[in-house]
Structure formats: structure tokens, C-alpha cells
PDB file of N, CA and C in Angstrom:
ATOM      1  N   MET A   1      -4.386  -6.741 -18.690  1.00  0.00           N
ATOM      2  CA  MET A   1      -5.078  -5.481 -18.495  1.00  0.00           C
ATOM      3  C   MET A   1      -4.069  -4.433 -18.039  1.00  0.00           C
ATOM      4  N   ARG A   2      -4.166  -3.253 -18.611  1.00  0.00           N
ATOM      5  CA  ARG A   2      -3.231  -2.204 -18.229  1.00  0.00           C
ATOM      6  C   ARG A   2      -3.723  -1.489 -16.972  1.00  0.00           C
ATOM      7  N   ALA A   3      -2.786  -0.965 -16.221  1.00  0.00           N
ATOM      8  CA  ALA A   3      -3.141  -0.231 -15.001  1.00  0.00           C
ATOM      9  C   ALA A   3      -3.827   1.077 -15.379  1.00  0.00           C
ATOM     10  N   PRO A   4      -4.806   1.501 -14.591  1.00  0.00           N
ATOM     11  CA  PRO A   4      -5.497   2.750 -14.898  1.00  0.00           C
ATOM     12  C   PRO A   4      -4.584   3.942 -14.620  1.00  0.00           C
ATOM     13  N   LEU A   5      -4.937   5.053 -15.199  1.00  0.00           N
ATOM     14  CA  LEU A   5      -4.236   6.282 -14.875  1.00  0.00           C
ATOM     15  C   LEU A   5      -4.484   6.588 -13.401  1.00  0.00           C
ATOM     16  N   PRO A   6      -3.605   7.338 -12.767  1.00  0.00           N
ATOM     17  CA  PRO A   6      -3.892   7.700 -11.368  1.00  0.00           C
ATOM     18  C   PRO A   6      -5.211   8.460 -11.298  1.00  0.00           C
ATOM     19  N   LEU A   7      -5.914   8.292 -10.190  1.00  0.00           N
ATOM     20  CA  LEU A   7      -7.167   9.022 -10.019  1.00  0.00           C
ATOM     21  C   LEU A   7      -6.883  10.513  -9.984  1.00  0.00           C
ATOM     22  N   CYS A   8      -7.741  11.271 -10.593  1.00  0.00           N
ATOM     23  CA  CYS A   8      -7.619  12.727 -10.519  1.00  0.00           C
ATOM     24  C   CYS A   8      -7.901  13.155  -9.085  1.00  0.00           C
ATOM     25  N   SER A   9      -7.408  14.313  -8.715  1.00  0.00           N
ATOM     26  CA  SER A   9      -7.672  14.821  -7.367  1.00  0.00           C
ATOM     27  C   SER A   9      -9.174  14.967  -7.167  1.00  0.00           C
ATOM     28  N   PHE A  10      -9.635  14.568  -5.997  1.00  0.00           N
ATOM     29  CA  PHE A  10     -11.053  14.693  -5.685  1.00  0.00           C
ATOM     30  C   PHE A  10     -11.366  16.163  -5.403  1.00  0.00           C
ATOM     31  N   HIS A  11     -12.526  16.602  -5.816  1.00  0.00           N
ATOM     32  CA  HIS A  11     -12.982  17.943  -5.473  1.00  0.00           C
ATOM     33  C   HIS A  11     -13.353  17.938  -3.994  1.00  0.00           C
ATOM     34  N   ARG A  12     -13.244  19.073  -3.341  1.00  0.00           N
ATOM     35  CA  ARG A  12     -13.509  19.086  -1.908  1.00  0.00           C
ATOM     36  C   ARG A  12     -14.979  19.342  -1.575  1.00  0.00           C
ATOM     37  N   GLY A  13     -15.840  19.456  -2.584  1.00  0.00           N
ATOM     38  CA  GLY A  13     -17.259  19.717  -2.329  1.00  0.00           C
ATOM     39  C   GLY A  13     -17.901  18.660  -1.459  1.00  0.00           C
ATOM     40  N   PHE A  14     -17.571  17.376  -1.689  1.00  0.00           N
ATOM     41  CA  PHE A  14     -18.174  16.326  -0.867  1.00  0.00           C
ATOM     42  C   PHE A  14     -17.705  16.448   0.573  1.00  0.00           C
ATOM     43  N   ALA A  15     -16.460  16.895   0.798  1.00  0.00           N
ATOM     44  CA  ALA A  15     -15.942  17.066   2.160  1.00  0.00           C
ATOM     45  C   ALA A  15     -16.669  18.220   2.846  1.00  0.00           C
ATOM     46  N   TYR A  16     -16.916  19.285   2.098  1.00  0.00           N
ATOM     47  CA  TYR A  16     -17.643  20.436   2.637  1.00  0.00           C
ATOM     48  C   TYR A  16     -19.061  20.029   3.037  1.00  0.00           C
ATOM     49  N   ILE A  17     -19.734  19.279   2.175  1.00  0.00           N
ATOM     50  CA  ILE A  17     -21.102  18.836   2.480  1.00  0.00           C
ATOM     51  C   ILE A  17     -21.103  17.901   3.686  1.00  0.00           C
ATOM     52  N   ALA A  18     -20.134  16.984   3.752  1.00  0.00           N
ATOM     53  CA  ALA A  18     -20.049  16.074   4.899  1.00  0.00           C
ATOM     54  C   ALA A  18     -19.835  16.856   6.187  1.00  0.00           C
ATOM     55  N   ALA A  19     -18.967  17.867   6.135  1.00  0.00           N
ATOM     56  CA  ALA A  19     -18.701  18.680   7.325  1.00  0.00           C
ATOM     57  C   ALA A  19     -19.944  19.462   7.743  1.00  0.00           C
ATOM     58  N   ARG A  20     -20.605  20.077   6.782  1.00  0.00           N
ATOM     59  CA  ARG A  20     -21.785  20.911   7.100  1.00  0.00           C
ATOM     60  C   ARG A  20     -22.964  20.082   7.600  1.00  0.00           C
ATOM     61  N   THR A  21     -23.114  18.870   7.097  1.00  0.00           N
ATOM     62  CA  THR A  21     -24.241  18.035   7.520  1.00  0.00           C
ATOM     63  C   THR A  21     -23.866  17.074   8.645  1.00  0.00           C
ATOM     64  N   ALA A  22     -22.563  17.016   8.970  1.00  0.00           N
ATOM     65  CA  ALA A  22     -22.046  16.112  10.018  1.00  0.00           C
ATOM     66  C   ALA A  22     -22.381  14.653   9.703  1.00  0.00           C
ATOM     67  N   LYS A  23     -22.296  14.303   8.428  1.00  0.00           N
ATOM     68  CA  LYS A  23     -22.561  12.934   7.979  1.00  0.00           C
ATOM     69  C   LYS A  23     -21.265  12.282   7.508  1.00  0.00           C
ATOM     70  N   PRO A  24     -21.087  11.002   7.816  1.00  0.00           N
ATOM     71  CA  PRO A  24     -19.868  10.305   7.378  1.00  0.00           C
ATOM     72  C   PRO A  24     -19.878  10.046   5.877  1.00  0.00           C
ATOM     73  N   ILE A  25     -18.705   9.762   5.357  1.00  0.00           N
ATOM     74  CA  ILE A  25     -18.530   9.420   3.946  1.00  0.00           C
ATOM     75  C   ILE A  25     -18.340   7.912   3.855  1.00  0.00           C
ATOM     76  N   LEU A  26     -18.999   7.278   2.893  1.00  0.00           N
ATOM     77  CA  LEU A  26     -18.829   5.843   2.647  1.00  0.00           C
ATOM     78  C   LEU A  26     -18.026   5.693   1.353  1.00  0.00           C
ATOM     79  N   PRO A  27     -16.693   5.500   1.472  1.00  0.00           N
ATOM     80  CA  PRO A  27     -15.885   5.343   0.257  1.00  0.00           C
ATOM     81  C   PRO A  27     -16.193   4.024  -0.446  1.00  0.00           C
ATOM     82  N   ILE A  28     -16.239   4.069  -1.762  1.00  0.00           N
ATOM     83  CA  ILE A  28     -16.511   2.887  -2.578  1.00  0.00           C
ATOM     84  C   ILE A  28     -15.478   2.831  -3.698  1.00  0.00           C
ATOM     85  N   SER A  29     -14.874   1.663  -3.887  1.00  0.00           N
ATOM     86  CA  SER A  29     -13.940   1.444  -4.987  1.00  0.00           C
ATOM     87  C   SER A  29     -14.610   0.536  -6.006  1.00  0.00           C
ATOM     88  N   ILE A  30     -14.508   0.889  -7.268  1.00  0.00           N
ATOM     89  CA  ILE A  30     -15.038   0.051  -8.345  1.00  0.00           C
ATOM     90  C   ILE A  30     -13.845  -0.415  -9.169  1.00  0.00           C
ATOM     91  N   ILE A  31     -13.592  -1.724  -9.143  1.00  0.00           N
ATOM     92  CA  ILE A  31     -12.426  -2.302  -9.803  1.00  0.00           C
ATOM     93  C   ILE A  31     -12.866  -2.966 -11.102  1.00  0.00           C
ATOM     94  N   PRO A  32     -12.346  -2.514 -12.243  1.00  0.00           N
ATOM     95  CA  PRO A  32     -12.719  -3.135 -13.521  1.00  0.00           C
ATOM     96  C   PRO A  32     -12.000  -4.470 -13.705  1.00  0.00           C
ATOM     97  N   ILE A  33     -12.739  -5.567 -13.616  1.00  0.00           N
ATOM     98  CA  ILE A  33     -12.160  -6.906 -13.766  1.00  0.00           C
ATOM     99  C   ILE A  33     -12.030  -7.280 -15.244  1.00  0.00           C
ATOM    100  N   HIS A  34     -13.088  -7.015 -15.997  1.00  0.00           N
ATOM    101  CA  HIS A  34     -13.070  -7.331 -17.424  1.00  0.00           C
ATOM    102  C   HIS A  34     -13.661  -6.153 -18.183  1.00  0.00           C
ATOM    103  N   GLU A  35     -12.862  -5.581 -19.075  1.00  0.00           N
ATOM    104  CA  GLU A  35     -13.308  -4.424 -19.848  1.00  0.00           C
ATOM    105  C   GLU A  35     -12.861  -4.592 -21.294  1.00  0.00           C
ATOM    106  N   TYR A  36     -13.534  -3.916 -22.172  1.00  0.00           N
ATOM    107  CA  TYR A  36     -13.134  -3.953 -23.575  1.00  0.00           C
ATOM    108  C   TYR A  36     -13.560  -2.653 -24.252  1.00  0.00           C
ATOM    109  N   PRO A  37     -12.794  -2.219 -25.252  1.00  0.00           N
ATOM    110  CA  PRO A  37     -13.149  -0.993 -25.961  1.00  0.00           C
ATOM    111  C   PRO A  37     -14.241  -1.252 -27.001  1.00  0.00           C
ATOM    112  N   VAL A  38     -15.137  -0.315 -27.136  1.00  0.00           N
ATOM    113  CA  VAL A  38     -16.175  -0.374 -28.172  1.00  0.00           C
ATOM    114  C   VAL A  38     -16.245   0.994 -28.845  1.00  0.00           C
ATOM    115  N   GLU A  39     -16.698   1.007 -30.067  1.00  0.00           N
ATOM    116  CA  GLU A  39     -16.858   2.272 -30.778  1.00  0.00           C
ATOM    117  C   GLU A  39     -18.083   3.005 -30.242  1.00  0.00           C
ATOM    118  N   TYR A  40     -18.015   4.320 -30.288  1.00  0.00           N
ATOM    119  CA  TYR A  40     -19.165   5.122 -29.877  1.00  0.00           C
ATOM    120  C   TYR A  40     -20.312   4.901 -30.853  1.00  0.00           C
ATOM    121  N   PRO A  41     -21.551   4.820 -30.348  1.00  0.00           N
ATOM    122  CA  PRO A  41     -22.682   4.572 -31.246  1.00  0.00           C
ATOM    123  C   PRO A  41     -23.083   5.794 -32.074  1.00  0.00           C
ATOM    124  N   PHE A  42     -22.628   6.995 -31.667  1.00  0.00           N
ATOM    125  CA  PHE A  42     -22.999   8.211 -32.380  1.00  0.00           C
ATOM    126  C   PHE A  42     -21.765   8.844 -33.008  1.00  0.00           C
ATOM    127  N   PRO A  43     -21.907   9.421 -34.188  1.00  0.00           N
ATOM    128  CA  PRO A  43     -20.765  10.078 -34.810  1.00  0.00           C
ATOM    129  C   PRO A  43     -20.347  11.327 -34.040  1.00  0.00           C
ATOM    130  N   ILE A  44     -19.131  11.764 -34.281  1.00  0.00           N
ATOM    131  CA  ILE A  44     -18.569  12.922 -33.581  1.00  0.00           C
ATOM    132  C   ILE A  44     -19.450  14.156 -33.765  1.00  0.00           C
ATOM    133  N   SER A  45     -19.999  14.348 -34.953  1.00  0.00           N
ATOM    134  CA  SER A  45     -20.831  15.534 -35.206  1.00  0.00           C
ATOM    135  C   SER A  45     -22.041  15.599 -34.268  1.00  0.00           C
ATOM    136  N   ILE A  46     -22.608  14.449 -33.942  1.00  0.00           N
ATOM    137  CA  ILE A  46     -23.756  14.410 -33.013  1.00  0.00           C
ATOM    138  C   ILE A  46     -23.277  14.611 -31.580  1.00  0.00           C
ATOM    139  N   ARG A  47     -22.169  13.965 -31.220  1.00  0.00           N
ATOM    140  CA  ARG A  47     -21.655  14.090 -29.846  1.00  0.00           C
ATOM    141  C   ARG A  47     -21.281  15.524 -29.510  1.00  0.00           C
ATOM    142  N   LYS A  48     -20.814  16.285 -30.509  1.00  0.00           N
ATOM    143  CA  LYS A  48     -20.434  17.677 -30.267  1.00  0.00           C
ATOM    144  C   LYS A  48     -21.624  18.524 -29.799  1.00  0.00           C
ATOM    145  N   LEU A  49     -22.805  18.117 -30.141  1.00  0.00           N
ATOM    146  CA  LEU A  49     -24.001  18.844 -29.714  1.00  0.00           C
ATOM    147  C   LEU A  49     -24.267  18.685 -28.223  1.00  0.00           C
ATOM    148  N   PHE A  50     -23.813  17.566 -27.637  1.00  0.00           N
ATOM    149  CA  PHE A  50     -24.128  17.254 -26.249  1.00  0.00           C
ATOM    150  C   PHE A  50     -22.932  17.322 -25.303  1.00  0.00           C
ATOM    151  N   ILE A  51     -21.729  17.191 -25.845  1.00  0.00           N
ATOM    152  CA  ILE A  51     -20.529  17.147 -25.017  1.00  0.00           C
ATOM    153  C   ILE A  51     -19.664  18.353 -25.351  1.00  0.00           C
ATOM    154  N   PRO A  52     -19.489  19.268 -24.395  1.00  0.00           N
ATOM    155  CA  PRO A  52     -18.746  20.489 -24.697  1.00  0.00           C
ATOM    156  C   PRO A  52     -17.229  20.310 -24.800  1.00  0.00           C
ATOM    157  N   HIS A  53     -16.681  19.235 -24.257  1.00  0.00           N
ATOM    158  CA  HIS A  53     -15.239  19.051 -24.246  1.00  0.00           C
ATOM    159  C   HIS A  53     -14.756  18.410 -25.546  1.00  0.00           C
ATOM    160  N   LYS A  54     -13.927  19.131 -26.265  1.00  0.00           N
ATOM    161  CA  LYS A  54     -13.439  18.681 -27.566  1.00  0.00           C
ATOM    162  C   LYS A  54     -12.726  17.331 -27.475  1.00  0.00           C
ATOM    163  N   GLU A  55     -11.888  17.154 -26.416  1.00  0.00           N
ATOM    164  CA  GLU A  55     -11.126  15.909 -26.266  1.00  0.00           C
ATOM    165  C   GLU A  55     -12.059  14.702 -26.156  1.00  0.00           C
ATOM    166  N   LEU A  56     -13.156  14.857 -25.439  1.00  0.00           N
ATOM    167  CA  LEU A  56     -14.100  13.746 -25.268  1.00  0.00           C
ATOM    168  C   LEU A  56     -14.872  13.476 -26.557  1.00  0.00           C
ATOM    169  N   CYS A  57     -15.208  14.519 -27.265  1.00  0.00           N
ATOM    170  CA  CYS A  57     -15.957  14.345 -28.514  1.00  0.00           C
ATOM    171  C   CYS A  57     -15.165  13.579 -29.562  1.00  0.00           C
ATOM    172  N   GLU A  58     -13.864  13.777 -29.582  1.00  0.00           N
ATOM    173  CA  GLU A  58     -13.044  13.203 -30.640  1.00  0.00           C
ATOM    174  C   GLU A  58     -12.540  11.799 -30.341  1.00  0.00           C
ATOM    175  N   LEU A  59     -12.884  11.246 -29.197  1.00  0.00           N
ATOM    176  CA  LEU A  59     -12.479   9.874 -28.897  1.00  0.00           C
ATOM    177  C   LEU A  59     -13.182   8.913 -29.849  1.00  0.00           C
ATOM    178  N   LYS A  60     -12.447   7.945 -30.342  1.00  0.00           N
ATOM    179  CA  LYS A  60     -13.007   6.975 -31.283  1.00  0.00           C
ATOM    180  C   LYS A  60     -13.692   5.808 -30.567  1.00  0.00           C
ATOM    181  N   THR A  61     -13.161   5.423 -29.403  1.00  0.00           N
ATOM    182  CA  THR A  61     -13.731   4.298 -28.661  1.00  0.00           C
ATOM    183  C   THR A  61     -13.947   4.687 -27.201  1.00  0.00           C
ATOM    184  N   ARG A  62     -14.713   3.878 -26.522  1.00  0.00           N
ATOM    185  CA  ARG A  62     -14.934   4.033 -25.089  1.00  0.00           C
ATOM    186  C   ARG A  62     -14.780   2.658 -24.445  1.00  0.00           C
ATOM    187  N   ILE A  63     -14.619   2.643 -23.150  1.00  0.00           N
ATOM    188  CA  ILE A  63     -14.442   1.387 -22.437  1.00  0.00           C
ATOM    189  C   ILE A  63     -15.797   0.924 -21.897  1.00  0.00           C
ATOM    190  N   THR A  64     -16.113  -0.326 -22.141  1.00  0.00           N
ATOM    191  CA  THR A  64     -17.311  -0.942 -21.591  1.00  0.00           C
ATOM    192  C   THR A  64     -16.853  -1.984 -20.579  1.00  0.00           C
ATOM    193  N   TYR A  65     -17.502  -2.009 -19.452  1.00  0.00           N
ATOM    194  CA  TYR A  65     -17.132  -2.936 -18.393  1.00  0.00           C
ATOM    195  C   TYR A  65     -18.070  -4.127 -18.408  1.00  0.00           C
ATOM    196  N   LYS A  66     -17.485  -5.301 -18.488  1.00  0.00           N
ATOM    197  CA  LYS A  66     -18.272  -6.524 -18.496  1.00  0.00           C
ATOM    198  C   LYS A  66     -18.400  -7.085 -17.079  1.00  0.00           C
ATOM    199  N   LYS A  67     -17.346  -6.889 -16.280  1.00  0.00           N
ATOM    200  CA  LYS A  67     -17.355  -7.385 -14.907  1.00  0.00           C
ATOM    201  C   LYS A  67     -16.557  -6.420 -14.042  1.00  0.00           C
ATOM    202  N   VAL A  68     -17.118  -6.035 -12.900  1.00  0.00           N
ATOM    203  CA  VAL A  68     -16.431  -5.167 -11.947  1.00  0.00           C
ATOM    204  C   VAL A  68     -16.562  -5.755 -10.551  1.00  0.00           C
ATOM    205  N   ALA A  69     -15.658  -5.353  -9.674  1.00  0.00           N
ATOM    206  CA  ALA A  69     -15.761  -5.680  -8.250  1.00  0.00           C
ATOM    207  C   ALA A  69     -16.009  -4.369  -7.522  1.00  0.00           C
ATOM    208  N   VAL A  70     -16.969  -4.386  -6.620  1.00  0.00           N
ATOM    209  CA  VAL A  70     -17.301  -3.193  -5.847  1.00  0.00           C
ATOM    210  C   VAL A  70     -16.864  -3.429  -4.407  1.00  0.00           C
ATOM    211  N   VAL A  71     -16.032  -2.520  -3.900  1.00  0.00           N
ATOM    212  CA  VAL A  71     -15.526  -2.627  -2.535  1.00  0.00           C
ATOM    213  C   VAL A  71     -16.120  -1.486  -1.711  1.00  0.00           C
ATOM    214  N   PHE A  72     -16.892  -1.834  -0.691  1.00  0.00           N
ATOM    215  CA  PHE A  72     -17.443  -0.844   0.230  1.00  0.00           C
ATOM    216  C   PHE A  72     -16.504  -0.751   1.423  1.00  0.00           C
ATOM    217  N   HIS A  73     -15.988   0.421   1.678  1.00  0.00           N
ATOM    218  CA  HIS A  73     -15.068   0.639   2.788  1.00  0.00           C
ATOM    219  C   HIS A  73     -15.857   1.093   4.012  1.00  0.00           C
ATOM    220  N   PRO A  74     -15.256   0.989   5.200  1.00  0.00           N
ATOM    221  CA  PRO A  74     -15.952   1.486   6.401  1.00  0.00           C
ATOM    222  C   PRO A  74     -16.212   2.989   6.293  1.00  0.00           C
ATOM    223  N   PRO A  75     -17.297   3.449   6.884  1.00  0.00           N
ATOM    224  CA  PRO A  75     -17.589   4.886   6.862  1.00  0.00           C
ATOM    225  C   PRO A  75     -16.466   5.687   7.528  1.00  0.00           C
ATOM    226  N   VAL A  76     -16.224   6.860   6.984  1.00  0.00           N
ATOM    227  CA  VAL A  76     -15.202   7.753   7.529  1.00  0.00           C
ATOM    228  C   VAL A  76     -15.917   8.944   8.168  1.00  0.00           C
ATOM    229  N   PRO A  77     -15.627   9.205   9.456  1.00  0.00           N
ATOM    230  CA  PRO A  77     -16.288  10.348  10.106  1.00  0.00           C
ATOM    231  C   PRO A  77     -16.009  11.651   9.355  1.00  0.00           C
ATOM    232  N   PRO A  78     -16.979  12.560   9.354  1.00  0.00           N
ATOM    233  CA  PRO A  78     -16.802  13.810   8.602  1.00  0.00           C
ATOM    234  C   PRO A  78     -15.794  14.729   9.281  1.00  0.00           C
ATOM    235  N   PRO A  79     -15.264  15.690   8.522  1.00  0.00           N
ATOM    236  CA  PRO A  79     -14.407  16.703   9.150  1.00  0.00           C
ATOM    237  C   PRO A  79     -15.243  17.606  10.056  1.00  0.00           C
ATOM    238  N   ASN A  80     -14.571  18.382  10.882  1.00  0.00           N
ATOM    239  CA  ASN A  80     -15.292  19.320  11.754  1.00  0.00           C
ATOM    240  C   ASN A  80     -16.101  20.301  10.928  1.00  0.00           C
ATOM    241  N   ARG A  81     -17.188  20.737  11.491  1.00  0.00           N
ATOM    242  CA  ARG A  81     -18.074  21.677  10.804  1.00  0.00           C
ATOM    243  C   ARG A  81     -17.343  22.957  10.396  1.00  0.00           C
ATOM    244  N   SER A  82     -16.363  23.355  11.187  1.00  0.00           N
ATOM    245  CA  SER A  82     -15.624  24.590  10.900  1.00  0.00           C
ATOM    246  C   SER A  82     -14.257  24.304  10.262  1.00  0.00           C
ATOM    247  N   ALA A  83     -14.153  23.186   9.539  1.00  0.00           N
ATOM    248  CA  ALA A  83     -12.877  22.798   8.927  1.00  0.00           C
ATOM    249  C   ALA A  83     -12.414  23.855   7.923  1.00  0.00           C
ATOM    250  N   SER A  84     -11.115  24.078   7.897  1.00  0.00           N
ATOM    251  CA  SER A  84     -10.540  25.032   6.951  1.00  0.00           C
ATOM    252  C   SER A  84     -10.448  24.390   5.567  1.00  0.00           C
ATOM    253  N   ARG A  85     -10.119  25.202   4.578  1.00  0.00           N
ATOM    254  CA  ARG A  85      -9.966  24.679   3.208  1.00  0.00           C
ATOM    255  C   ARG A  85      -8.894  23.596   3.154  1.00  0.00           C
ATOM    256  N   SER A  86      -7.788  23.824   3.838  1.00  0.00           N
ATOM    257  CA  SER A  86      -6.706  22.831   3.802  1.00  0.00           C
ATOM    258  C   SER A  86      -7.133  21.535   4.499  1.00  0.00           C
ATOM    259  N   GLU A  87      -7.923  21.649   5.552  1.00  0.00           N
ATOM    260  CA  GLU A  87      -8.430  20.440   6.215  1.00  0.00           C
ATOM    261  C   GLU A  87      -9.389  19.679   5.296  1.00  0.00           C
ATOM    262  N   LEU A  88     -10.199  20.399   4.539  1.00  0.00           N
ATOM    263  CA  LEU A  88     -11.104  19.743   3.592  1.00  0.00           C
ATOM    264  C   LEU A  88     -10.319  19.066   2.470  1.00  0.00           C
ATOM    265  N   LEU A  89      -9.250  19.723   2.004  1.00  0.00           N
ATOM    266  CA  LEU A  89      -8.396  19.105   0.984  1.00  0.00           C
ATOM    267  C   LEU A  89      -7.716  17.847   1.525  1.00  0.00           C
ATOM    268  N   ASP A  90      -7.248  17.907   2.773  1.00  0.00           N
ATOM    269  CA  ASP A  90      -6.632  16.736   3.404  1.00  0.00           C
ATOM    270  C   ASP A  90      -7.642  15.599   3.541  1.00  0.00           C
ATOM    271  N   PHE A  91      -8.871  15.945   3.906  1.00  0.00           N
ATOM    272  CA  PHE A  91      -9.924  14.940   4.032  1.00  0.00           C
ATOM    273  C   PHE A  91     -10.183  14.294   2.673  1.00  0.00           C
ATOM    274  N   GLY A  92     -10.267  15.113   1.617  1.00  0.00           N
ATOM    275  CA  GLY A  92     -10.457  14.592   0.263  1.00  0.00           C
ATOM    276  C   GLY A  92      -9.322  13.674  -0.148  1.00  0.00           C
ATOM    277  N   SER A  93      -8.093  14.052   0.177  1.00  0.00           N
ATOM    278  CA  SER A  93      -6.928  13.208  -0.140  1.00  0.00           C
ATOM    279  C   SER A  93      -6.980  11.892   0.624  1.00  0.00           C
ATOM    280  N   HIS A  94      -7.444  11.957   1.862  1.00  0.00           N
ATOM    281  CA  HIS A  94      -7.577  10.734   2.675  1.00  0.00           C
ATOM    282  C   HIS A  94      -8.597   9.781   2.049  1.00  0.00           C
ATOM    283  N   ILE A  95      -9.733  10.302   1.629  1.00  0.00           N
ATOM    284  CA  ILE A  95     -10.767   9.478   0.989  1.00  0.00           C
ATOM    285  C   ILE A  95     -10.227   8.921  -0.327  1.00  0.00           C
ATOM    286  N   GLN A  96      -9.515   9.735  -1.082  1.00  0.00           N
ATOM    287  CA  GLN A  96      -8.946   9.278  -2.348  1.00  0.00           C
ATOM    288  C   GLN A  96      -7.956   8.134  -2.121  1.00  0.00           C
ATOM    289  N   ALA A  97      -7.155   8.225  -1.074  1.00  0.00           N
ATOM    290  CA  ALA A  97      -6.198   7.155  -0.759  1.00  0.00           C
ATOM    291  C   ALA A  97      -6.925   5.859  -0.421  1.00  0.00           C
ATOM    292  N   ILE A  98      -8.034   5.970   0.301  1.00  0.00           N
ATOM    293  CA  ILE A  98      -8.826   4.782   0.651  1.00  0.00           C
ATOM    294  C   ILE A  98      -9.379   4.123  -0.612  1.00  0.00           C
ATOM    295  N   VAL A  99      -9.934   4.929  -1.509  1.00  0.00           N
ATOM    296  CA  VAL A  99     -10.533   4.415  -2.745  1.00  0.00           C
ATOM    297  C   VAL A  99      -9.462   3.822  -3.668  1.00  0.00           C
ATOM    298  N   SER A 100      -8.289   4.445  -3.715  1.00  0.00           N
ATOM    299  CA  SER A 100      -7.217   4.012  -4.621  1.00  0.00           C
ATOM    300  C   SER A 100      -6.555   2.706  -4.210  1.00  0.00           C
ATOM    301  N   LYS A 101      -6.488   2.448  -2.912  1.00  0.00           N
ATOM    302  CA  LYS A 101      -5.714   1.303  -2.421  1.00  0.00           C
ATOM    303  C   LYS A 101      -6.129  -0.033  -3.050  1.00  0.00           C
ATOM    304  N   PRO A 102      -7.416  -0.409  -3.084  1.00  0.00           N
ATOM    305  CA  PRO A 102      -7.777  -1.686  -3.715  1.00  0.00           C
ATOM    306  C   PRO A 102      -7.518  -1.720  -5.214  1.00  0.00           C
ATOM    307  N   LEU A 103      -7.650  -0.569  -5.880  1.00  0.00           N
ATOM    308  CA  LEU A 103      -7.360  -0.509  -7.313  1.00  0.00           C
ATOM    309  C   LEU A 103      -5.886  -0.801  -7.569  1.00  0.00           C
ATOM    310  N   GLU A 104      -5.026  -0.156  -6.807  1.00  0.00           N
ATOM    311  CA  GLU A 104      -3.590  -0.384  -6.961  1.00  0.00           C
ATOM    312  C   GLU A 104      -3.229  -1.830  -6.656  1.00  0.00           C
ATOM    313  N   ALA A 105      -3.802  -2.371  -5.588  1.00  0.00           N
ATOM    314  CA  ALA A 105      -3.515  -3.764  -5.212  1.00  0.00           C
ATOM    315  C   ALA A 105      -3.968  -4.726  -6.304  1.00  0.00           C
ATOM    316  N   TYR A 106      -5.148  -4.491  -6.863  1.00  0.00           N
ATOM    317  CA  TYR A 106      -5.659  -5.372  -7.913  1.00  0.00           C
ATOM    318  C   TYR A 106      -4.740  -5.359  -9.131  1.00  0.00           C
ATOM    319  N   PHE A 107      -4.328  -4.172  -9.569  1.00  0.00           N
ATOM    320  CA  PHE A 107      -3.518  -4.085 -10.771  1.00  0.00           C
ATOM    321  C   PHE A 107      -2.100  -4.595 -10.546  1.00  0.00           C
ATOM    322  N   LEU A 108      -1.562  -4.432  -9.342  1.00  0.00           N
ATOM    323  CA  LEU A 108      -0.260  -5.026  -9.040  1.00  0.00           C
ATOM    324  C   LEU A 108      -0.355  -6.544  -9.060  1.00  0.00           C
ATOM    325  N   GLU A 109      -1.418  -7.076  -8.486  1.00  0.00           N
ATOM    326  CA  GLU A 109      -1.647  -8.533  -8.464  1.00  0.00           C
ATOM    327  C   GLU A 109      -1.824  -9.086  -9.873  1.00  0.00           C
ATOM    328  N   SER A 110      -2.594  -8.373 -10.706  1.00  0.00           N
ATOM    329  CA  SER A 110      -2.822  -8.875 -12.066  1.00  0.00           C
ATOM    330  C   SER A 110      -1.553  -8.795 -12.909  1.00  0.00           C
ATOM    331  N   GLN A 111      -0.685  -7.824 -12.645  1.00  0.00           N
ATOM    332  CA  GLN A 111       0.598  -7.749 -13.353  1.00  0.00           C
ATOM    333  C   GLN A 111       1.481  -8.930 -12.959  1.00  0.00           C
ATOM    334  N   ASP A 112       1.471  -9.287 -11.668  1.00  0.00           N
ATOM    335  CA  ASP A 112       2.266 -10.434 -11.203  1.00  0.00           C
ATOM    336  C   ASP A 112       1.796 -11.725 -11.835  1.00  0.00           C
ATOM    337  N   GLU A 113       0.485 -11.874 -12.049  1.00  0.00           N
ATOM    338  CA  GLU A 113      -0.069 -13.093 -12.645  1.00  0.00           C
ATOM    339  C   GLU A 113       0.335 -13.232 -14.113  1.00  0.00           C
ATOM    340  N   HIS A 114       0.526 -12.122 -14.795  1.00  0.00           N
ATOM    341  CA  HIS A 114       0.854 -12.151 -16.220  1.00  0.00           C
ATOM    342  C   HIS A 114       2.353 -12.327 -16.475  1.00  0.00           C
ATOM    343  N   ARG A 115       3.150 -12.340 -15.436  1.00  0.00           N
ATOM    344  CA  ARG A 115       4.608 -12.516 -15.605  1.00  0.00           C
ATOM    345  C   ARG A 115       4.976 -13.968 -15.612  1.00  0.00           C
TER     346      ARG A 115
END
């Protein structure tokens, strides 16, 4: 199995909502254990009606997951209610690091097994 692309930067909206509601975030990692590509069931002409992004419409296959592992991490306290934009971005990066860690560990381990 190939390693996934790095996770895209998280949007800070969830950090803003957590700060405003003073609710913790529960990070969850979903690790694809067994996946395989399948063709899209609808032709590109139909997908263009529902999907505005050209790159997504033109994909020939998609990934289907047969088995995944779900990792629930401990809750992370929210940022302060008056957190600045940079603090919210830092909070988002912190959550992203938590979510990424098991994914990276899994793919490093699976690469070692295939050697």
C-alpha cells in the first residue's frame, strides 16, 4: 500500500467554533487498512452536473475502503474564547498533528513489513 499524500491544512472554522462554544475537540484518525480502486458508476457527463470541480469530475477511478482502523484520541481543550487568528491556526495545526501521527506510523510500519 502506498503512503497517502500529506493531509491538507485544516480549516480553522472548527477551532473558532470550539473556542466560541468552549467545547473540546475529539480528534479521530481513520487509517485505511485495505483499499482498492473502482471505476465511478456514473459517466463524466453526469458527474459534471453535480460536481463543480473539473479535476474531480475527470477522475477515472475512486478508492473504496474495505477495512479501516478508527483511532479516537483524547479530547483536546478548546482555545480561549478570545483566541487570535494565529492562535486558531496553531490550534488547527496541533489537531492535524494529532490526527496525522497514527497514519504516518501505520504507513511507516507497513513499508517496513514489505521490505
